[in-house]
């Protein structure tokens, strides 16, 4: 029961718009679905938010978000 609740909470955290560029949910290797990955997503999102406060869905903002994750060593599948 605890494991099911934990998985449900993780799903909510991954799909939270506060941790990613709205409209873009990067797909990564299953091994990267960790609390550290979600923290890195939030850190990258904050960088993008500073650079693109009014246009987070802009292609350039998505590119910057992806590049930030790549710079942190993640391999993105989408």
Protein backbone atom coordinates (compact mmCIF):
# COMPACT_ATOMS: atom_id res chain seq x y z
CA UNK A 1 0.00 0.00 0.00
CA UNK A 2 2.81 2.40 0.93
CA UNK A 3 4.62 1.70 -2.34
CA UNK A 4 1.47 2.40 -4.36
CA UNK A 5 1.00 5.73 -2.56
CA UNK A 6 4.64 6.64 -3.14
CA UNK A 7 4.36 5.87 -6.86
CA UNK A 8 1.19 7.96 -7.11
CA UNK A 9 2.90 10.90 -5.40
CA UNK A 10 5.92 10.60 -7.68
CA UNK A 11 3.63 10.71 -10.70
CA UNK A 12 2.07 13.91 -9.43
CA UNK A 13 5.48 15.45 -8.81
CA UNK A 14 6.75 14.56 -12.27
CA UNK A 15 3.68 16.04 -13.96
CA UNK A 16 3.70 19.20 -11.87
CA UNK A 17 3.98 22.29 -14.04
CA UNK A 18 6.08 23.98 -11.37
CA UNK A 19 8.95 21.60 -12.12
CA UNK A 20 9.02 21.87 -15.89
CA UNK A 21 8.42 24.13 -18.83
CA UNK A 22 4.64 24.25 -19.34
CA UNK A 23 3.64 22.03 -22.23
CA UNK A 24 6.98 20.20 -22.25
CA UNK A 25 7.64 17.08 -20.21
CA UNK A 26 11.11 15.70 -20.99
CA UNK A 27 11.28 11.93 -21.35
CA UNK A 28 14.43 10.43 -19.94
CA UNK A 29 15.75 6.99 -19.18
CA UNK A 30 13.75 5.20 -16.46
CA UNK A 31 16.84 5.09 -14.22
CA UNK A 32 16.78 8.90 -14.11
CA UNK A 33 13.33 9.05 -12.50
CA UNK A 34 14.77 9.98 -9.14
CA UNK A 35 14.28 12.75 -6.59
CA UNK A 36 17.58 14.23 -7.82
CA UNK A 37 16.25 14.40 -11.39
CA UNK A 38 13.13 16.23 -10.20
CA UNK A 39 15.29 18.66 -8.21
CA UNK A 40 17.45 19.25 -11.28
CA UNK A 41 14.30 19.81 -13.36
CA UNK A 42 13.19 22.47 -10.89
CA UNK A 43 16.61 24.13 -10.93
CA UNK A 44 16.59 24.21 -14.73
CA UNK A 45 13.03 25.54 -14.74
CA UNK A 46 14.09 28.41 -12.47
CA UNK A 47 16.91 29.29 -14.89
CA UNK A 48 14.46 29.32 -17.79
CA UNK A 49 11.91 31.30 -15.81
CA UNK A 50 14.50 34.03 -15.21
CA UNK A 51 15.47 34.22 -18.87
CA UNK A 52 11.93 33.86 -20.29
CA UNK A 53 9.48 35.24 -17.69
CA UNK A 54 6.69 35.81 -20.20
CA UNK A 55 7.35 33.04 -22.72
CA UNK A 56 8.17 29.73 -21.08
CA UNK A 57 6.47 27.86 -23.95
CA UNK A 58 8.67 29.60 -26.48
CA UNK A 59 10.87 27.19 -28.45
CA UNK A 60 13.98 28.96 -27.18
CA UNK A 61 12.84 28.43 -23.58
CA UNK A 62 12.29 24.70 -24.20
CA UNK A 63 15.72 24.47 -25.83
CA UNK A 64 17.32 26.19 -22.83
CA UNK A 65 15.47 23.86 -20.44
CA UNK A 66 16.62 20.77 -22.37
CA UNK A 67 20.19 22.08 -22.58
CA UNK A 68 20.27 22.67 -18.84
CA UNK A 69 19.26 19.04 -18.20
CA UNK A 70 21.82 17.82 -20.74
CA UNK A 71 24.52 19.91 -19.05
CA UNK A 72 23.65 18.16 -15.78
CA UNK A 73 24.41 14.84 -17.47
CA UNK A 74 20.93 13.54 -18.29
CA UNK A 75 20.18 11.76 -21.55
CA UNK A 76 16.82 12.93 -22.86
CA UNK A 77 14.71 10.70 -25.09
CA UNK A 78 12.36 13.48 -26.23
